[in-house]
N, C-alpha and C. Protein backbone atom coordinates (compact mmCIF):
# COMPACT_ATOMS: atom_id res chain seq x y z
N MET A 1 129.34 95.50 38.40
CA MET A 1 129.62 94.32 39.22
C MET A 1 131.07 93.88 39.03
N ASN A 2 132.00 94.85 38.89
CA ASN A 2 133.39 94.51 38.60
C ASN A 2 134.28 94.89 39.77
N LEU A 3 134.43 93.97 40.72
CA LEU A 3 135.27 94.25 41.87
C LEU A 3 136.74 94.12 41.55
N ALA A 4 137.10 93.38 40.50
CA ALA A 4 138.51 93.16 40.21
C ALA A 4 139.23 94.47 39.96
N ARG A 5 138.55 95.46 39.42
CA ARG A 5 139.18 96.75 39.16
C ARG A 5 139.11 97.68 40.36
N SER A 6 138.28 97.37 41.33
CA SER A 6 138.09 98.28 42.45
C SER A 6 138.64 97.74 43.76
N TRP A 7 139.17 96.51 43.78
CA TRP A 7 139.58 95.93 45.04
C TRP A 7 140.96 96.40 45.50
N GLY A 8 141.54 97.41 44.83
CA GLY A 8 142.69 98.06 45.42
C GLY A 8 142.27 98.82 46.67
N VAL A 9 140.99 99.15 46.75
CA VAL A 9 140.39 99.71 47.96
C VAL A 9 139.38 98.68 48.44
N PRO A 10 138.98 98.74 49.72
CA PRO A 10 138.08 97.70 50.22
C PRO A 10 136.73 97.72 49.51
N PRO A 11 136.08 96.57 49.36
CA PRO A 11 134.69 96.56 48.91
C PRO A 11 133.84 97.39 49.85
N GLN A 12 132.73 97.86 49.37
CA GLN A 12 131.89 98.76 50.14
C GLN A 12 131.57 98.19 51.53
N ASN A 13 131.85 98.98 52.56
CA ASN A 13 131.54 98.68 53.96
C ASN A 13 132.45 97.64 54.59
N PHE A 14 133.40 97.07 53.87
CA PHE A 14 134.32 96.10 54.48
C PHE A 14 135.44 96.85 55.20
N PRO A 15 135.55 96.71 56.53
CA PRO A 15 136.51 97.50 57.29
C PRO A 15 137.90 96.87 57.34
N GLY A 16 138.38 96.40 56.23
CA GLY A 16 139.69 95.78 56.15
C GLY A 16 140.34 96.11 54.83
N ARG A 17 141.22 95.22 54.38
CA ARG A 17 141.91 95.43 53.12
C ARG A 17 141.87 94.15 52.29
N VAL A 18 141.82 94.31 50.99
CA VAL A 18 141.79 93.18 50.06
C VAL A 18 142.87 93.39 49.01
N ALA A 19 143.59 92.32 48.69
CA ALA A 19 144.56 92.33 47.59
C ALA A 19 144.14 91.30 46.55
N LEU A 20 144.27 91.67 45.30
CA LEU A 20 143.94 90.78 44.18
C LEU A 20 145.08 90.86 43.19
N ARG A 21 145.69 89.72 42.90
CA ARG A 21 146.87 89.70 42.04
C ARG A 21 146.69 88.65 40.94
N ARG A 22 147.26 88.95 39.79
CA ARG A 22 147.24 88.02 38.66
C ARG A 22 148.66 87.65 38.28
N ARG A 23 148.88 86.39 37.95
CA ARG A 23 150.19 85.96 37.50
C ARG A 23 150.09 85.37 36.10
N ASP A 24 151.20 85.38 35.40
CA ASP A 24 151.26 84.83 34.05
C ASP A 24 151.42 83.31 34.15
N THR A 25 150.44 82.58 33.66
CA THR A 25 150.51 81.12 33.71
C THR A 25 150.76 80.50 32.34
N SER A 26 151.05 81.34 31.34
CA SER A 26 151.13 80.84 29.96
C SER A 26 152.27 79.85 29.76
N GLN A 27 153.37 80.01 30.51
CA GLN A 27 154.51 79.12 30.36
C GLN A 27 154.66 78.17 31.54
N GLU A 28 153.65 78.07 32.36
CA GLU A 28 153.76 77.30 33.59
C GLU A 28 153.38 75.84 33.35
N PRO A 29 154.27 74.90 33.64
CA PRO A 29 153.90 73.48 33.48
C PRO A 29 152.86 73.06 34.51
N ARG A 30 152.01 72.11 34.14
CA ARG A 30 150.94 71.68 35.03
C ARG A 30 151.46 71.15 36.36
N TRP A 31 152.59 70.46 36.33
CA TRP A 31 153.08 69.85 37.56
C TRP A 31 153.51 70.89 38.59
N ARG A 32 153.71 72.13 38.16
CA ARG A 32 154.10 73.18 39.11
C ARG A 32 152.91 74.00 39.58
N ARG A 33 151.73 73.78 39.01
CA ARG A 33 150.62 74.71 39.24
C ARG A 33 150.20 74.77 40.70
N ARG A 34 150.11 73.61 41.35
CA ARG A 34 149.61 73.61 42.73
C ARG A 34 150.53 74.42 43.65
N SER A 35 151.84 74.15 43.57
CA SER A 35 152.78 74.89 44.43
C SER A 35 152.84 76.35 44.04
N ALA A 36 152.72 76.64 42.73
CA ALA A 36 152.75 78.03 42.28
C ALA A 36 151.53 78.80 42.80
N GLU A 37 150.36 78.15 42.81
CA GLU A 37 149.16 78.81 43.32
C GLU A 37 149.30 79.08 44.82
N HIS A 38 149.87 78.12 45.55
CA HIS A 38 150.07 78.32 46.99
C HIS A 38 151.00 79.51 47.23
N THR A 39 152.10 79.56 46.52
CA THR A 39 153.06 80.66 46.67
C THR A 39 152.43 81.99 46.30
N HIS A 40 151.68 81.98 45.21
CA HIS A 40 151.00 83.20 44.76
C HIS A 40 149.99 83.67 45.80
N GLY A 41 149.25 82.73 46.39
CA GLY A 41 148.28 83.08 47.41
C GLY A 41 148.95 83.70 48.63
N ARG A 42 150.06 83.13 49.08
CA ARG A 42 150.76 83.68 50.24
C ARG A 42 151.34 85.06 49.94
N ALA A 43 151.85 85.26 48.73
CA ALA A 43 152.35 86.59 48.36
C ALA A 43 151.22 87.61 48.36
N THR A 44 150.05 87.19 47.90
CA THR A 44 148.90 88.08 47.89
C THR A 44 148.45 88.39 49.32
N ALA A 45 148.52 87.40 50.20
CA ALA A 45 148.19 87.63 51.61
C ALA A 45 149.13 88.64 52.23
N ARG A 46 150.40 88.57 51.90
CA ARG A 46 151.35 89.54 52.45
C ARG A 46 151.09 90.94 51.91
N GLU A 47 150.65 91.02 50.68
CA GLU A 47 150.28 92.33 50.13
C GLU A 47 149.07 92.90 50.88
N ALA A 48 148.08 92.05 51.17
CA ALA A 48 146.92 92.51 51.93
C ALA A 48 147.33 92.96 53.33
N LEU A 49 148.23 92.21 53.98
CA LEU A 49 148.71 92.61 55.30
C LEU A 49 149.47 93.93 55.24
N ARG A 50 150.23 94.14 54.18
CA ARG A 50 150.95 95.42 54.02
C ARG A 50 149.96 96.57 53.91
N LEU A 51 148.90 96.36 53.14
CA LEU A 51 147.89 97.40 53.00
C LEU A 51 147.19 97.69 54.33
N LEU A 52 147.05 96.64 55.16
CA LEU A 52 146.36 96.80 56.44
C LEU A 52 147.24 97.46 57.49
N GLY A 53 148.51 97.03 57.58
CA GLY A 53 149.32 97.49 58.70
C GLY A 53 150.77 97.80 58.40
N GLY A 54 151.14 97.87 57.12
CA GLY A 54 152.51 98.23 56.78
C GLY A 54 153.44 97.05 56.65
N SER A 55 154.71 97.36 56.40
CA SER A 55 155.69 96.32 56.08
C SER A 55 155.98 95.40 57.26
N ASP A 56 155.91 95.91 58.48
CA ASP A 56 156.18 95.05 59.64
C ASP A 56 155.11 93.96 59.76
N LEU A 57 153.85 94.31 59.55
CA LEU A 57 152.79 93.30 59.61
C LEU A 57 152.94 92.31 58.47
N ALA A 58 153.32 92.80 57.29
CA ALA A 58 153.48 91.91 56.14
C ALA A 58 154.61 90.92 56.33
N ALA A 59 155.59 91.27 57.18
CA ALA A 59 156.74 90.39 57.40
C ALA A 59 156.50 89.35 58.49
N ALA A 60 155.35 89.43 59.17
CA ALA A 60 155.06 88.48 60.24
C ALA A 60 154.94 87.06 59.70
N ALA A 61 155.20 86.09 60.56
CA ALA A 61 155.09 84.68 60.16
C ALA A 61 153.66 84.37 59.74
N LEU A 62 153.52 83.60 58.67
CA LEU A 62 152.20 83.20 58.17
C LEU A 62 152.24 81.70 57.96
N THR A 63 151.69 80.97 58.94
CA THR A 63 151.72 79.51 58.91
C THR A 63 150.30 78.97 58.72
N ALA A 64 150.14 77.67 58.92
CA ALA A 64 148.82 77.04 58.80
C ALA A 64 148.58 76.16 60.01
N ASP A 65 147.30 76.06 60.41
CA ASP A 65 146.95 75.20 61.53
C ASP A 65 146.70 73.77 61.04
N PRO A 66 146.40 72.81 61.91
CA PRO A 66 146.22 71.42 61.48
C PRO A 66 145.09 71.23 60.46
N ASP A 67 144.11 72.14 60.43
CA ASP A 67 143.03 72.05 59.45
C ASP A 67 143.38 72.74 58.14
N GLY A 68 144.57 73.32 58.05
CA GLY A 68 144.99 73.99 56.83
C GLY A 68 144.60 75.45 56.76
N CYS A 69 143.99 75.99 57.83
CA CYS A 69 143.62 77.41 57.84
C CYS A 69 144.86 78.26 58.12
N PRO A 70 145.00 79.40 57.44
CA PRO A 70 146.13 80.28 57.75
C PRO A 70 146.08 80.75 59.20
N VAL A 71 147.25 80.84 59.81
CA VAL A 71 147.38 81.41 61.15
C VAL A 71 147.89 82.84 60.97
N TRP A 72 147.03 83.80 61.23
CA TRP A 72 147.33 85.21 60.96
C TRP A 72 148.03 85.84 62.15
N PRO A 73 148.69 86.97 61.93
CA PRO A 73 149.28 87.69 63.07
C PRO A 73 148.23 88.01 64.13
N ALA A 74 148.68 88.18 65.36
CA ALA A 74 147.76 88.44 66.47
C ALA A 74 146.88 89.65 66.17
N GLY A 75 145.58 89.47 66.42
CA GLY A 75 144.63 90.56 66.22
C GLY A 75 144.10 90.70 64.82
N VAL A 76 144.52 89.81 63.91
CA VAL A 76 144.11 89.89 62.51
C VAL A 76 143.28 88.66 62.15
N VAL A 77 142.22 88.85 61.38
CA VAL A 77 141.51 87.75 60.75
C VAL A 77 141.69 87.90 59.24
N GLY A 78 141.64 86.77 58.53
CA GLY A 78 141.87 86.86 57.10
C GLY A 78 141.50 85.60 56.36
N SER A 79 141.69 85.66 55.06
CA SER A 79 141.36 84.53 54.18
C SER A 79 142.14 84.68 52.89
N ILE A 80 142.47 83.54 52.30
CA ILE A 80 143.22 83.49 51.03
C ILE A 80 142.46 82.62 50.04
N ALA A 81 142.49 82.99 48.77
CA ALA A 81 141.90 82.17 47.71
C ALA A 81 142.79 82.24 46.48
N HIS A 82 142.78 81.17 45.70
CA HIS A 82 143.49 81.21 44.42
C HIS A 82 142.80 80.31 43.41
N SER A 83 142.74 80.80 42.21
CA SER A 83 142.22 80.07 41.06
C SER A 83 142.91 80.66 39.85
N ALA A 84 143.89 79.93 39.32
CA ALA A 84 144.75 80.47 38.27
C ALA A 84 143.93 81.18 37.19
N PRO A 85 144.38 82.38 36.80
CA PRO A 85 145.63 83.05 37.18
C PRO A 85 145.52 83.99 38.37
N TRP A 86 144.39 84.00 39.09
CA TRP A 86 144.14 84.97 40.14
C TRP A 86 144.45 84.40 41.52
N ALA A 87 144.86 85.30 42.42
CA ALA A 87 144.90 85.03 43.86
C ALA A 87 144.31 86.25 44.55
N ALA A 88 143.62 86.00 45.66
CA ALA A 88 143.00 87.08 46.41
C ALA A 88 143.20 86.82 47.89
N ALA A 89 143.26 87.89 48.66
CA ALA A 89 143.37 87.78 50.11
C ALA A 89 142.63 88.95 50.74
N ALA A 90 141.98 88.68 51.86
CA ALA A 90 141.27 89.71 52.62
C ALA A 90 141.70 89.62 54.07
N VAL A 91 141.97 90.77 54.68
CA VAL A 91 142.40 90.81 56.08
C VAL A 91 141.73 91.99 56.78
N ALA A 92 141.55 91.88 58.09
CA ALA A 92 140.96 92.95 58.88
C ALA A 92 141.42 92.82 60.31
N TRP A 93 141.37 93.94 61.03
CA TRP A 93 141.67 93.93 62.46
C TRP A 93 140.45 93.50 63.25
N GLU A 94 140.66 92.61 64.20
CA GLU A 94 139.57 92.24 65.11
C GLU A 94 139.08 93.46 65.89
N ARG A 95 139.98 94.36 66.21
CA ARG A 95 139.59 95.53 67.00
C ARG A 95 138.66 96.48 66.24
N HIS A 96 138.56 96.27 64.94
CA HIS A 96 137.62 97.06 64.15
C HIS A 96 136.27 96.36 64.00
N GLY A 97 136.07 95.32 64.81
CA GLY A 97 134.77 94.69 64.87
C GLY A 97 134.54 93.56 63.88
N VAL A 98 135.60 93.07 63.24
CA VAL A 98 135.47 91.97 62.29
C VAL A 98 135.85 90.67 63.00
N LEU A 99 134.91 89.73 63.05
CA LEU A 99 135.13 88.46 63.75
C LEU A 99 135.63 87.36 62.82
N GLY A 100 135.41 87.51 61.54
CA GLY A 100 135.85 86.52 60.57
C GLY A 100 135.68 87.05 59.16
N VAL A 101 136.45 86.50 58.23
CA VAL A 101 136.33 86.91 56.83
C VAL A 101 136.67 85.71 55.95
N GLY A 102 135.97 85.59 54.84
CA GLY A 102 136.25 84.56 53.85
C GLY A 102 136.27 85.18 52.47
N ILE A 103 137.13 84.69 51.62
CA ILE A 103 137.22 85.22 50.26
C ILE A 103 137.35 84.05 49.29
N ASP A 104 136.83 84.23 48.09
CA ASP A 104 136.95 83.19 47.06
C ASP A 104 137.06 83.85 45.69
N VAL A 105 137.73 83.18 44.79
CA VAL A 105 137.82 83.60 43.39
C VAL A 105 137.66 82.35 42.54
N GLU A 106 136.78 82.43 41.55
CA GLU A 106 136.45 81.26 40.73
C GLU A 106 136.35 81.66 39.27
N ALA A 107 136.92 80.84 38.40
CA ALA A 107 136.77 81.06 36.96
C ALA A 107 135.37 80.65 36.52
N VAL A 108 134.83 81.39 35.57
CA VAL A 108 133.52 81.07 35.00
C VAL A 108 133.73 80.13 33.83
N HIS A 109 133.09 78.96 33.89
CA HIS A 109 133.14 78.04 32.75
C HIS A 109 131.89 77.17 32.77
N PRO A 110 131.58 76.49 31.68
CA PRO A 110 130.31 75.78 31.58
C PRO A 110 130.07 74.72 32.65
N ARG A 111 131.14 74.13 33.17
CA ARG A 111 130.94 73.09 34.18
C ARG A 111 130.31 73.62 35.46
N ARG A 112 130.44 74.93 35.70
CA ARG A 112 129.84 75.50 36.90
C ARG A 112 128.32 75.31 36.92
N ALA A 113 127.70 75.40 35.74
CA ALA A 113 126.24 75.28 35.69
C ALA A 113 125.78 73.91 36.18
N LEU A 114 126.67 72.91 36.12
CA LEU A 114 126.30 71.58 36.62
C LEU A 114 126.11 71.58 38.14
N LEU A 115 126.69 72.59 38.81
CA LEU A 115 126.55 72.69 40.26
C LEU A 115 125.32 73.49 40.69
N ALA A 116 124.58 74.01 39.71
CA ALA A 116 123.50 74.93 40.04
C ALA A 116 122.46 74.30 40.95
N GLU A 117 122.19 73.02 40.78
CA GLU A 117 121.15 72.37 41.59
C GLU A 117 121.49 72.42 43.08
N ARG A 118 122.79 72.35 43.41
CA ARG A 118 123.19 72.39 44.82
C ARG A 118 123.58 73.79 45.27
N ALA A 119 124.17 74.57 44.39
CA ALA A 119 124.76 75.85 44.80
C ALA A 119 123.82 77.03 44.66
N VAL A 120 122.80 76.91 43.81
CA VAL A 120 121.90 78.04 43.53
C VAL A 120 120.52 77.72 44.08
N MET A 121 120.13 78.45 45.11
CA MET A 121 118.81 78.29 45.69
C MET A 121 117.77 79.06 44.85
N PRO A 122 116.49 78.72 44.98
CA PRO A 122 115.48 79.42 44.18
C PRO A 122 115.54 80.94 44.31
N GLU A 123 115.77 81.44 45.52
CA GLU A 123 115.84 82.88 45.71
C GLU A 123 117.06 83.49 45.04
N ASP A 124 118.15 82.69 44.91
CA ASP A 124 119.34 83.17 44.21
C ASP A 124 119.06 83.37 42.73
N ALA A 125 118.44 82.35 42.12
CA ALA A 125 118.11 82.43 40.70
C ALA A 125 117.15 83.59 40.43
N ALA A 126 116.20 83.82 41.34
CA ALA A 126 115.25 84.91 41.17
C ALA A 126 115.96 86.26 41.24
N ALA A 127 116.94 86.39 42.14
CA ALA A 127 117.66 87.65 42.26
C ALA A 127 118.51 87.93 41.03
N ALA A 128 119.11 86.88 40.45
CA ALA A 128 119.94 87.07 39.26
C ALA A 128 119.10 87.39 38.03
N GLY A 129 117.91 86.84 37.95
CA GLY A 129 117.02 87.11 36.83
C GLY A 129 117.27 86.17 35.66
N PRO A 130 116.27 85.98 34.81
CA PRO A 130 116.37 85.02 33.71
C PRO A 130 117.36 85.44 32.63
N GLN A 131 117.74 86.73 32.59
CA GLN A 131 118.65 87.19 31.55
C GLN A 131 120.11 86.88 31.86
N SER A 132 120.41 86.45 33.09
CA SER A 132 121.79 86.19 33.49
C SER A 132 122.24 84.81 33.03
N SER A 133 123.50 84.71 32.62
CA SER A 133 124.07 83.44 32.18
C SER A 133 124.03 82.41 33.30
N PRO A 134 123.52 81.20 33.04
CA PRO A 134 123.52 80.16 34.08
C PRO A 134 124.91 79.85 34.61
N ASP A 135 125.92 79.89 33.73
CA ASP A 135 127.29 79.64 34.18
C ASP A 135 127.74 80.71 35.17
N LEU A 136 127.43 81.97 34.87
CA LEU A 136 127.81 83.06 35.76
C LEU A 136 127.06 82.97 37.08
N VAL A 137 125.77 82.71 37.02
CA VAL A 137 124.97 82.62 38.24
C VAL A 137 125.51 81.51 39.15
N ALA A 138 125.78 80.35 38.57
CA ALA A 138 126.29 79.24 39.38
C ALA A 138 127.65 79.58 39.97
N THR A 139 128.51 80.26 39.21
CA THR A 139 129.83 80.61 39.71
C THR A 139 129.74 81.63 40.83
N VAL A 140 128.88 82.63 40.67
CA VAL A 140 128.71 83.64 41.72
C VAL A 140 128.28 82.99 43.03
N PHE A 141 127.29 82.13 42.98
CA PHE A 141 126.79 81.58 44.24
C PHE A 141 127.68 80.47 44.79
N CYS A 142 128.43 79.79 43.93
CA CYS A 142 129.48 78.89 44.44
C CYS A 142 130.52 79.70 45.20
N ALA A 143 130.95 80.81 44.61
CA ALA A 143 131.98 81.64 45.24
C ALA A 143 131.47 82.26 46.54
N LEU A 144 130.24 82.75 46.53
CA LEU A 144 129.68 83.34 47.75
C LEU A 144 129.57 82.31 48.87
N ARG A 145 129.11 81.12 48.55
CA ARG A 145 128.97 80.10 49.60
C ARG A 145 130.33 79.62 50.09
N GLU A 146 131.30 79.52 49.20
CA GLU A 146 132.64 79.16 49.63
C GLU A 146 133.23 80.25 50.53
N ALA A 147 133.03 81.51 50.17
CA ALA A 147 133.53 82.61 51.00
C ALA A 147 132.87 82.58 52.37
N ALA A 148 131.56 82.33 52.42
CA ALA A 148 130.86 82.26 53.70
C ALA A 148 131.39 81.10 54.55
N TYR A 149 131.61 79.95 53.92
CA TYR A 149 132.14 78.79 54.64
C TYR A 149 133.51 79.09 55.23
N LYS A 150 134.38 79.73 54.42
CA LYS A 150 135.71 80.07 54.91
C LYS A 150 135.66 81.11 56.02
N CYS A 151 134.64 81.95 56.00
CA CYS A 151 134.47 82.95 57.04
C CYS A 151 134.15 82.29 58.38
N VAL A 152 133.27 81.29 58.38
CA VAL A 152 132.79 80.73 59.65
C VAL A 152 133.57 79.50 60.10
N PHE A 153 134.30 78.84 59.21
CA PHE A 153 134.95 77.59 59.60
C PHE A 153 135.91 77.74 60.77
N PRO A 154 136.73 78.80 60.83
CA PRO A 154 137.63 78.91 61.99
C PRO A 154 136.90 78.94 63.33
N SER A 155 135.64 79.37 63.33
CA SER A 155 134.85 79.37 64.56
C SER A 155 134.11 78.06 64.77
N LEU A 156 133.50 77.54 63.69
CA LEU A 156 132.67 76.33 63.83
C LEU A 156 133.49 75.05 63.84
N ARG A 157 134.53 74.99 63.00
CA ARG A 157 135.33 73.78 62.82
C ARG A 157 134.44 72.57 62.54
N ALA A 158 133.44 72.79 61.69
CA ALA A 158 132.50 71.72 61.34
C ALA A 158 132.03 71.94 59.92
N PRO A 159 131.73 70.86 59.18
CA PRO A 159 131.22 71.01 57.81
C PRO A 159 129.81 71.59 57.80
N MET A 160 129.46 72.24 56.69
CA MET A 160 128.12 72.76 56.49
C MET A 160 127.63 72.35 55.11
N ASP A 161 126.33 72.28 54.97
CA ASP A 161 125.72 72.08 53.67
C ASP A 161 125.57 73.43 52.99
N TRP A 162 125.62 73.45 51.66
CA TRP A 162 125.49 74.72 50.96
C TRP A 162 124.15 75.39 51.25
N SER A 163 123.12 74.61 51.51
CA SER A 163 121.82 75.20 51.81
C SER A 163 121.78 75.85 53.19
N ASP A 164 122.82 75.65 54.01
CA ASP A 164 122.89 76.31 55.30
C ASP A 164 123.19 77.80 55.17
N VAL A 165 123.65 78.22 54.00
CA VAL A 165 123.99 79.63 53.77
C VAL A 165 122.97 80.21 52.78
N ARG A 166 122.27 81.25 53.22
CA ARG A 166 121.24 81.86 52.37
C ARG A 166 121.53 83.34 52.19
N PHE A 167 121.15 83.86 51.03
CA PHE A 167 121.46 85.24 50.67
C PHE A 167 120.20 86.01 50.29
N GLU A 168 120.20 87.28 50.65
CA GLU A 168 119.29 88.25 50.06
C GLU A 168 120.16 89.12 49.16
N THR A 169 120.04 88.96 47.85
CA THR A 169 121.03 89.44 46.91
C THR A 169 120.53 90.62 46.09
N ASP A 170 121.36 91.65 46.02
CA ASP A 170 121.19 92.75 45.07
C ASP A 170 122.16 92.47 43.92
N TRP A 171 121.67 91.81 42.90
CA TRP A 171 122.53 91.34 41.80
C TRP A 171 123.22 92.49 41.08
N ARG A 172 122.50 93.57 40.86
CA ARG A 172 123.07 94.69 40.11
C ARG A 172 124.22 95.34 40.86
N ARG A 173 124.11 95.46 42.17
CA ARG A 173 125.13 96.14 42.97
C ARG A 173 126.18 95.18 43.53
N GLY A 174 125.97 93.87 43.37
CA GLY A 174 126.95 92.92 43.89
C GLY A 174 127.01 92.87 45.39
N MET A 175 125.85 92.97 46.05
CA MET A 175 125.79 93.01 47.51
C MET A 175 124.81 91.97 48.03
N CYS A 176 125.10 91.43 49.21
CA CYS A 176 124.22 90.41 49.81
C CYS A 176 124.12 90.61 51.32
N ALA A 177 122.92 90.40 51.84
CA ALA A 177 122.77 90.10 53.26
C ALA A 177 122.85 88.58 53.38
N VAL A 178 123.47 88.10 54.45
CA VAL A 178 123.80 86.68 54.57
C VAL A 178 123.25 86.13 55.88
N SER A 179 122.69 84.93 55.82
CA SER A 179 122.36 84.19 57.04
C SER A 179 123.00 82.81 56.96
N VAL A 180 123.61 82.40 58.06
CA VAL A 180 124.27 81.10 58.16
C VAL A 180 123.54 80.32 59.24
N MET A 181 122.94 79.21 58.86
CA MET A 181 122.02 78.51 59.75
C MET A 181 122.62 78.14 61.11
N PRO A 182 123.88 77.63 61.18
CA PRO A 182 124.41 77.30 62.51
C PRO A 182 124.68 78.53 63.38
N MET A 183 124.66 79.74 62.77
CA MET A 183 124.97 80.97 63.49
C MET A 183 123.90 82.00 63.16
N ALA A 184 122.65 81.65 63.46
CA ALA A 184 121.51 82.43 63.00
C ALA A 184 121.49 83.85 63.52
N GLU A 185 122.09 84.11 64.69
CA GLU A 185 122.07 85.44 65.28
C GLU A 185 123.27 86.29 64.87
N ALA A 186 124.21 85.72 64.12
CA ALA A 186 125.42 86.44 63.76
C ALA A 186 125.14 87.43 62.62
N ASN A 187 126.02 88.43 62.51
CA ASN A 187 125.86 89.51 61.54
C ASN A 187 126.87 89.33 60.40
N PHE A 188 126.39 88.96 59.22
CA PHE A 188 127.26 88.72 58.07
C PHE A 188 126.89 89.67 56.92
N SER A 189 127.90 89.99 56.11
CA SER A 189 127.69 90.74 54.87
C SER A 189 128.53 90.10 53.78
N ALA A 190 128.15 90.31 52.52
CA ALA A 190 128.92 89.75 51.40
C ALA A 190 128.88 90.70 50.21
N ARG A 191 129.94 90.64 49.41
CA ARG A 191 130.03 91.38 48.16
C ARG A 191 130.58 90.44 47.10
N PHE A 192 130.24 90.69 45.85
CA PHE A 192 130.78 89.87 44.77
C PHE A 192 130.97 90.73 43.52
N GLY A 193 131.83 90.27 42.63
CA GLY A 193 132.10 90.99 41.39
C GLY A 193 132.56 90.04 40.30
N PHE A 194 132.53 90.52 39.07
CA PHE A 194 132.86 89.72 37.89
C PHE A 194 133.75 90.56 36.99
N ASN A 195 134.90 90.02 36.60
CA ASN A 195 135.85 90.79 35.79
C ASN A 195 135.89 90.36 34.33
N GLY A 196 134.91 89.58 33.90
CA GLY A 196 134.89 89.11 32.52
C GLY A 196 135.19 87.64 32.39
N THR A 197 136.07 87.14 33.27
CA THR A 197 136.42 85.70 33.23
C THR A 197 136.31 85.04 34.59
N SER A 198 136.36 85.81 35.66
CA SER A 198 136.37 85.25 37.01
C SER A 198 135.42 86.02 37.92
N VAL A 199 134.94 85.31 38.93
CA VAL A 199 134.11 85.91 39.98
C VAL A 199 134.94 86.01 41.25
N GLN A 200 134.79 87.12 41.95
CA GLN A 200 135.40 87.31 43.26
C GLN A 200 134.28 87.54 44.27
N ALA A 201 134.39 86.91 45.43
CA ALA A 201 133.38 87.05 46.47
C ALA A 201 134.04 87.17 47.82
N ILE A 202 133.47 87.99 48.70
CA ILE A 202 133.96 88.15 50.04
C ILE A 202 132.80 88.16 51.00
N CYS A 203 132.97 87.52 52.15
CA CYS A 203 131.96 87.48 53.20
C CYS A 203 132.66 87.76 54.52
N TRP A 204 132.06 88.60 55.36
CA TRP A 204 132.65 88.86 56.66
C TRP A 204 131.60 88.92 57.75
N GLN A 205 132.04 88.58 58.96
CA GLN A 205 131.17 88.62 60.13
C GLN A 205 131.56 89.81 60.98
N SER A 206 130.58 90.61 61.35
CA SER A 206 130.80 91.78 62.19
C SER A 206 130.20 91.57 63.57
N GLN A 207 130.70 92.32 64.52
CA GLN A 207 130.15 92.25 65.87
C GLN A 207 128.73 92.80 65.91
């Protein structure tokens, strides 16, 4: 379940590209962290664009819309996430049948378990099994639901409850079938991984 070492290539069945980068935060003052994470995320997005379409695509303007969503080059869908020291970005061509993509990266720590009541549905806990760390389980499903929300928000432009996103999860393989209640007929897939300290999750909508 370690996508951090394998995301130099796309997660299984994802018809796009993913970049995952780590930066040294040991000497970074707290007051610079927010801007540094933003810069790191944008650099990671450009790396993902380079992997998808070369240096010309990576050099394209990358702005934000009024809701704060990245505005990608024409014909591209994508998503950016950052949680120090990691940043991740996923991009794909619309012409390859990808209608949306969301990505998230989250550090595993004890406070995550406090979110379990809202973020972990009964079927999620059953898929993870009683032997799995509650902190890890909560972080995985927080990341998966955040990735799903980021995937659909550019289309819906409306808030969702975490219970609106449901998973059929293969915990061992890090794979999920996904249903999003406001888009019940849509085709979604998700993957997740754990690198020892952080969880990475990606969700995409296909035609």
